[in-house]
């Protein structure tokens, strides 16, 4: 079972929603630049969706929705299900999540600079791993069903 998010984390992540609204695409574009240094991870992604900018836009929208609804995760159930389905289709595994975290959190800092301190990055790290655990758990169920 995933450990609940700390109330402080929820407050900090919600407070970052306006910055994500304004800079989300720049953050996700930078994140993909960072994560795609690993050719194995890059191969998991649809290159056409990357080239068109569609994938960074989708991820920016998903991150913004997460920030806005982090205190009402039930509102994200359908989106999480679609994400998990897509991850299973493309072969995303639990071992890929650390690389994304290692790219996303520095990308936030790269784009927002001094507007982001370690407390905000730590909150987003906690929020990222919370969602990652939810996705990993759902994907495990889907992978088992696929294998059966």
C-alpha atoms as a PDB file:
ATOM      1  CA  UNK A   1       0.000   0.000   0.000  1.00  0.00           C
ATOM      2  CA  UNK A   2       1.286   3.426  -0.913  1.00  0.00           C
ATOM      3  CA  UNK A   3       2.085   5.690   2.037  1.00  0.00           C
ATOM      4  CA  UNK A   4      -0.201   8.758   2.029  1.00  0.00           C
ATOM      5  CA  UNK A   5       1.278  12.075   1.028  1.00  0.00           C
ATOM      6  CA  UNK A   6       2.213  14.423   3.850  1.00  0.00           C
ATOM      7  CA  UNK A   7      -0.143  17.403   4.206  1.00  0.00           C
ATOM      8  CA  UNK A   8       2.856  19.724   3.714  1.00  0.00           C
ATOM      9  CA  UNK A   9       3.652  17.986   0.418  1.00  0.00           C
ATOM     10  CA  UNK A  10       0.083  18.383  -0.780  1.00  0.00           C
ATOM     11  CA  UNK A  11       0.128  22.096   0.085  1.00  0.00           C
ATOM     12  CA  UNK A  12       3.466  22.715  -1.633  1.00  0.00           C
ATOM     13  CA  UNK A  13       2.539  20.795  -4.790  1.00  0.00           C
ATOM     14  CA  UNK A  14      -0.827  22.573  -5.039  1.00  0.00           C
ATOM     15  CA  UNK A  15       0.945  25.906  -4.583  1.00  0.00           C
ATOM     16  CA  UNK A  16       3.169  25.148  -7.592  1.00  0.00           C
ATOM     17  CA  UNK A  17       0.210  24.713  -9.969  1.00  0.00           C
ATOM     18  CA  UNK A  18       0.379  28.307 -11.291  1.00  0.00           C
ATOM     19  CA  UNK A  19       4.078  27.900 -12.122  1.00  0.00           C
ATOM     20  CA  UNK A  20       3.297  24.612 -13.852  1.00  0.00           C
ATOM     21  CA  UNK A  21       0.496  26.253 -15.794  1.00  0.00           C
ATOM     22  CA  UNK A  22       2.967  28.822 -17.072  1.00  0.00           C
ATOM     23  CA  UNK A  23       6.150  26.713 -17.428  1.00  0.00           C
ATOM     24  CA  UNK A  24       4.964  23.096 -17.622  1.00  0.00           C
ATOM     25  CA  UNK A  25       5.847  22.599 -21.274  1.00  0.00           C
ATOM     26  CA  UNK A  26       9.342  23.995 -20.755  1.00  0.00           C
ATOM     27  CA  UNK A  27       9.791  21.652 -17.772  1.00  0.00           C
ATOM     28  CA  UNK A  28       8.648  18.536 -19.624  1.00  0.00           C
ATOM     29  CA  UNK A  29      10.668  19.440 -22.715  1.00  0.00           C
ATOM     30  CA  UNK A  30      13.754  19.797 -20.520  1.00  0.00           C
ATOM     31  CA  UNK A  31      12.905  16.568 -18.693  1.00  0.00           C
ATOM     32  CA  UNK A  32      12.802  14.636 -21.967  1.00  0.00           C
ATOM     33  CA  UNK A  33      16.140  16.148 -22.998  1.00  0.00           C
ATOM     34  CA  UNK A  34      17.600  14.850 -19.741  1.00  0.00           C
ATOM     35  CA  UNK A  35      15.983  11.395 -19.773  1.00  0.00           C
ATOM     36  CA  UNK A  36      16.657  10.706 -23.463  1.00  0.00           C
ATOM     37  CA  UNK A  37      20.396  10.522 -22.875  1.00  0.00           C
ATOM     38  CA  UNK A  38      19.516   6.883 -22.076  1.00  0.00           C
ATOM     39  CA  UNK A  39      18.752   5.203 -25.434  1.00  0.00           C
ATOM     40  CA  UNK A  40      16.841   2.364 -23.726  1.00  0.00           C
ATOM     41  CA  UNK A  41      14.391   4.822 -22.206  1.00  0.00           C
ATOM     42  CA  UNK A  42      14.185   6.905 -25.374  1.00  0.00           C
ATOM     43  CA  UNK A  43      13.142   3.750 -27.263  1.00  0.00           C
ATOM     44  CA  UNK A  44      10.050   3.456 -25.040  1.00  0.00           C
ATOM     45  CA  UNK A  45       8.625   6.687 -26.427  1.00  0.00           C
ATOM     46  CA  UNK A  46       6.808   7.443 -29.661  1.00  0.00           C
ATOM     47  CA  UNK A  47       9.313   9.510 -31.633  1.00  0.00           C
ATOM     48  CA  UNK A  48       6.562  11.135 -33.728  1.00  0.00           C
ATOM     49  CA  UNK A  49       4.804  12.337 -30.559  1.00  0.00           C
ATOM     50  CA  UNK A  50       8.119  13.723 -29.346  1.00  0.00           C
ATOM     51  CA  UNK A  51       8.963  15.445 -32.615  1.00  0.00           C
ATOM     52  CA  UNK A  52       5.508  17.038 -32.880  1.00  0.00           C
ATOM     53  CA  UNK A  53       5.699  18.226 -29.271  1.00  0.00           C
ATOM     54  CA  UNK A  54       2.556  16.264 -28.419  1.00  0.00           C
ATOM     55  CA  UNK A  55       4.185  14.076 -25.736  1.00  0.00           C
ATOM     56  CA  UNK A  56       5.722  16.972 -23.771  1.00  0.00           C
ATOM     57  CA  UNK A  57       2.350  18.782 -23.946  1.00  0.00           C
ATOM     58  CA  UNK A  58       0.485  15.687 -22.696  1.00  0.00           C
ATOM     59  CA  UNK A  59       2.920  15.202 -19.835  1.00  0.00           C
ATOM     60  CA  UNK A  60       2.787  18.889 -18.892  1.00  0.00           C
ATOM     61  CA  UNK A  61      -1.012  18.640 -18.796  1.00  0.00           C
ATOM     62  CA  UNK A  62      -0.855  15.495 -16.668  1.00  0.00           C
ATOM     63  CA  UNK A  63       1.567  17.061 -14.198  1.00  0.00           C
ATOM     64  CA  UNK A  64      -0.599  20.169 -13.937  1.00  0.00           C
ATOM     65  CA  UNK A  65      -3.721  18.050 -13.372  1.00  0.00           C
ATOM     66  CA  UNK A  66      -1.850  16.122 -10.671  1.00  0.00           C
ATOM     67  CA  UNK A  67      -0.766  19.336  -8.943  1.00  0.00           C
ATOM     68  CA  UNK A  68      -4.288  20.776  -9.046  1.00  0.00           C
ATOM     69  CA  UNK A  69      -5.917  17.538  -7.825  1.00  0.00           C
ATOM     70  CA  UNK A  70      -3.302  16.174  -5.448  1.00  0.00           C
ATOM     71  CA  UNK A  71      -5.825  16.602  -2.646  1.00  0.00           C
ATOM     72  CA  UNK A  72      -8.527  14.842  -4.696  1.00  0.00           C
ATOM     73  CA  UNK A  73      -6.781  11.941  -6.403  1.00  0.00           C
ATOM     74  CA  UNK A  74     -10.091  10.286  -7.261  1.00  0.00           C
ATOM     75  CA  UNK A  75     -10.464  12.922  -9.973  1.00  0.00           C
ATOM     76  CA  UNK A  76      -7.387  11.426 -11.661  1.00  0.00           C
ATOM     77  CA  UNK A  77      -8.492   7.776 -11.717  1.00  0.00           C
ATOM     78  CA  UNK A  78      -9.304   7.675 -15.448  1.00  0.00           C
ATOM     79  CA  UNK A  79      -6.083   9.508 -16.345  1.00  0.00           C
ATOM     80  CA  UNK A  80      -3.991   7.149 -14.219  1.00  0.00           C
ATOM     81  CA  UNK A  81      -5.660   4.166 -15.865  1.00  0.00           C
ATOM     82  CA  UNK A  82      -4.876   5.526 -19.354  1.00  0.00           C
ATOM     83  CA  UNK A  83      -1.287   6.195 -18.331  1.00  0.00           C
ATOM     84  CA  UNK A  84      -0.871   2.689 -16.951  1.00  0.00           C
ATOM     85  CA  UNK A  85      -2.362   1.184 -20.113  1.00  0.00           C
ATOM     86  CA  UNK A  86       0.025   3.209 -22.271  1.00  0.00           C
ATOM     87  CA  UNK A  87       2.978   2.237 -20.093  1.00  0.00           C
ATOM     88  CA  UNK A  88       2.142  -1.452 -20.464  1.00  0.00           C
ATOM     89  CA  UNK A  89       1.711  -1.050 -24.238  1.00  0.00           C
ATOM     90  CA  UNK A  90       5.158   0.510 -24.521  1.00  0.00           C
ATOM     91  CA  UNK A  91       6.950  -1.746 -22.031  1.00  0.00           C
ATOM     92  CA  UNK A  92       7.557   0.666 -19.179  1.00  0.00           C
ATOM     93  CA  UNK A  93       8.861  -1.244 -16.152  1.00  0.00           C
ATOM     94  CA  UNK A  94       9.416  -0.268 -12.502  1.00  0.00           C
ATOM     95  CA  UNK A  95      13.139   0.169 -13.153  1.00  0.00           C
ATOM     96  CA  UNK A  96      12.429   3.039 -15.553  1.00  0.00           C
ATOM     97  CA  UNK A  97      10.816   5.265 -12.919  1.00  0.00           C
ATOM     98  CA  UNK A  98      14.045   6.341 -11.157  1.00  0.00           C
ATOM     99  CA  UNK A  99      15.467   7.668 -14.433  1.00  0.00           C
ATOM    100  CA  UNK A 100      12.368   9.787 -14.994  1.00  0.00           C
ATOM    101  CA  UNK A 101      12.552  11.147 -11.438  1.00  0.00           C
ATOM    102  CA  UNK A 102      16.249  11.895 -11.940  1.00  0.00           C
ATOM    103  CA  UNK A 103      15.332  13.908 -15.044  1.00  0.00           C
ATOM    104  CA  UNK A 104      12.089  15.568 -13.897  1.00  0.00           C
ATOM    105  CA  UNK A 105      13.218  17.070 -10.613  1.00  0.00           C
ATOM    106  CA  UNK A 106      16.351  18.743 -12.063  1.00  0.00           C
ATOM    107  CA  UNK A 107      14.262  19.910 -15.042  1.00  0.00           C
ATOM    108  CA  UNK A 108      11.976  21.734 -12.623  1.00  0.00           C
ATOM    109  CA  UNK A 109      15.033  23.451 -11.144  1.00  0.00           C
ATOM    110  CA  UNK A 110      16.528  24.128 -14.594  1.00  0.00           C
ATOM    111  CA  UNK A 111      13.392  25.940 -15.734  1.00  0.00           C
ATOM    112  CA  UNK A 112      12.244  27.643 -12.537  1.00  0.00           C
ATOM    113  CA  UNK A 113      15.696  28.410 -11.135  1.00  0.00           C
ATOM    114  CA  UNK A 114      15.793  30.221  -7.818  1.00  0.00           C
ATOM    115  CA  UNK A 115      12.000  30.238  -7.620  1.00  0.00           C
ATOM    116  CA  UNK A 116      12.339  26.601  -6.511  1.00  0.00           C
ATOM    117  CA  UNK A 117      14.105  25.613  -3.334  1.00  0.00           C
ATOM    118  CA  UNK A 118      14.990  22.195  -1.939  1.00  0.00           C
ATOM    119  CA  UNK A 119      11.725  22.037   0.022  1.00  0.00           C
ATOM    120  CA  UNK A 120       9.718  22.307  -3.208  1.00  0.00           C
ATOM    121  CA  UNK A 121      11.922  19.743  -4.956  1.00  0.00           C
ATOM    122  CA  UNK A 122      11.581  17.367  -2.006  1.00  0.00           C
ATOM    123  CA  UNK A 123       7.791  17.760  -2.068  1.00  0.00           C
ATOM    124  CA  UNK A 124       7.708  17.038  -5.792  1.00  0.00           C
ATOM    125  CA  UNK A 125       9.987  14.056  -5.231  1.00  0.00           C
ATOM    126  CA  UNK A 126       7.556  12.660  -2.668  1.00  0.00           C
ATOM    127  CA  UNK A 127       4.611  13.385  -4.963  1.00  0.00           C
ATOM    128  CA  UNK A 128       6.373  11.782  -7.931  1.00  0.00           C
ATOM    129  CA  UNK A 129       7.138   8.566  -6.047  1.00  0.00           C
ATOM    130  CA  UNK A 130       3.612   8.418  -4.646  1.00  0.00           C
ATOM    131  CA  UNK A 131       2.169   8.488  -8.163  1.00  0.00           C
ATOM    132  CA  UNK A 132       4.911   6.183  -9.468  1.00  0.00           C
ATOM    133  CA  UNK A 133       3.989   3.569  -6.860  1.00  0.00           C
ATOM    134  CA  UNK A 134       0.331   3.798  -7.862  1.00  0.00           C
ATOM    135  CA  UNK A 135       1.250   3.354 -11.532  1.00  0.00           C
ATOM    136  CA  UNK A 136       3.733   0.550 -10.861  1.00  0.00           C
ATOM    137  CA  UNK A 137       1.087  -1.321  -8.865  1.00  0.00           C
ATOM    138  CA  UNK A 138      -1.573  -0.910 -11.539  1.00  0.00           C
ATOM    139  CA  UNK A 139       0.870  -1.826 -14.301  1.00  0.00           C
ATOM    140  CA  UNK A 140       1.890  -4.977 -12.426  1.00  0.00           C
ATOM    141  CA  UNK A 141      -1.752  -6.099 -12.417  1.00  0.00           C
ATOM    142  CA  UNK A 142      -1.999  -5.377 -16.145  1.00  0.00           C
ATOM    143  CA  UNK A 143       1.235  -7.203 -16.944  1.00  0.00           C
ATOM    144  CA  UNK A 144       0.019 -10.263 -14.979  1.00  0.00           C
ATOM    145  CA  UNK A 145      -3.337 -10.207 -16.820  1.00  0.00           C
ATOM    146  CA  UNK A 146      -1.520  -9.909 -20.148  1.00  0.00           C
ATOM    147  CA  UNK A 147       0.676 -12.902 -19.295  1.00  0.00           C
ATOM    148  CA  UNK A 148      -2.284 -15.076 -18.225  1.00  0.00           C
END
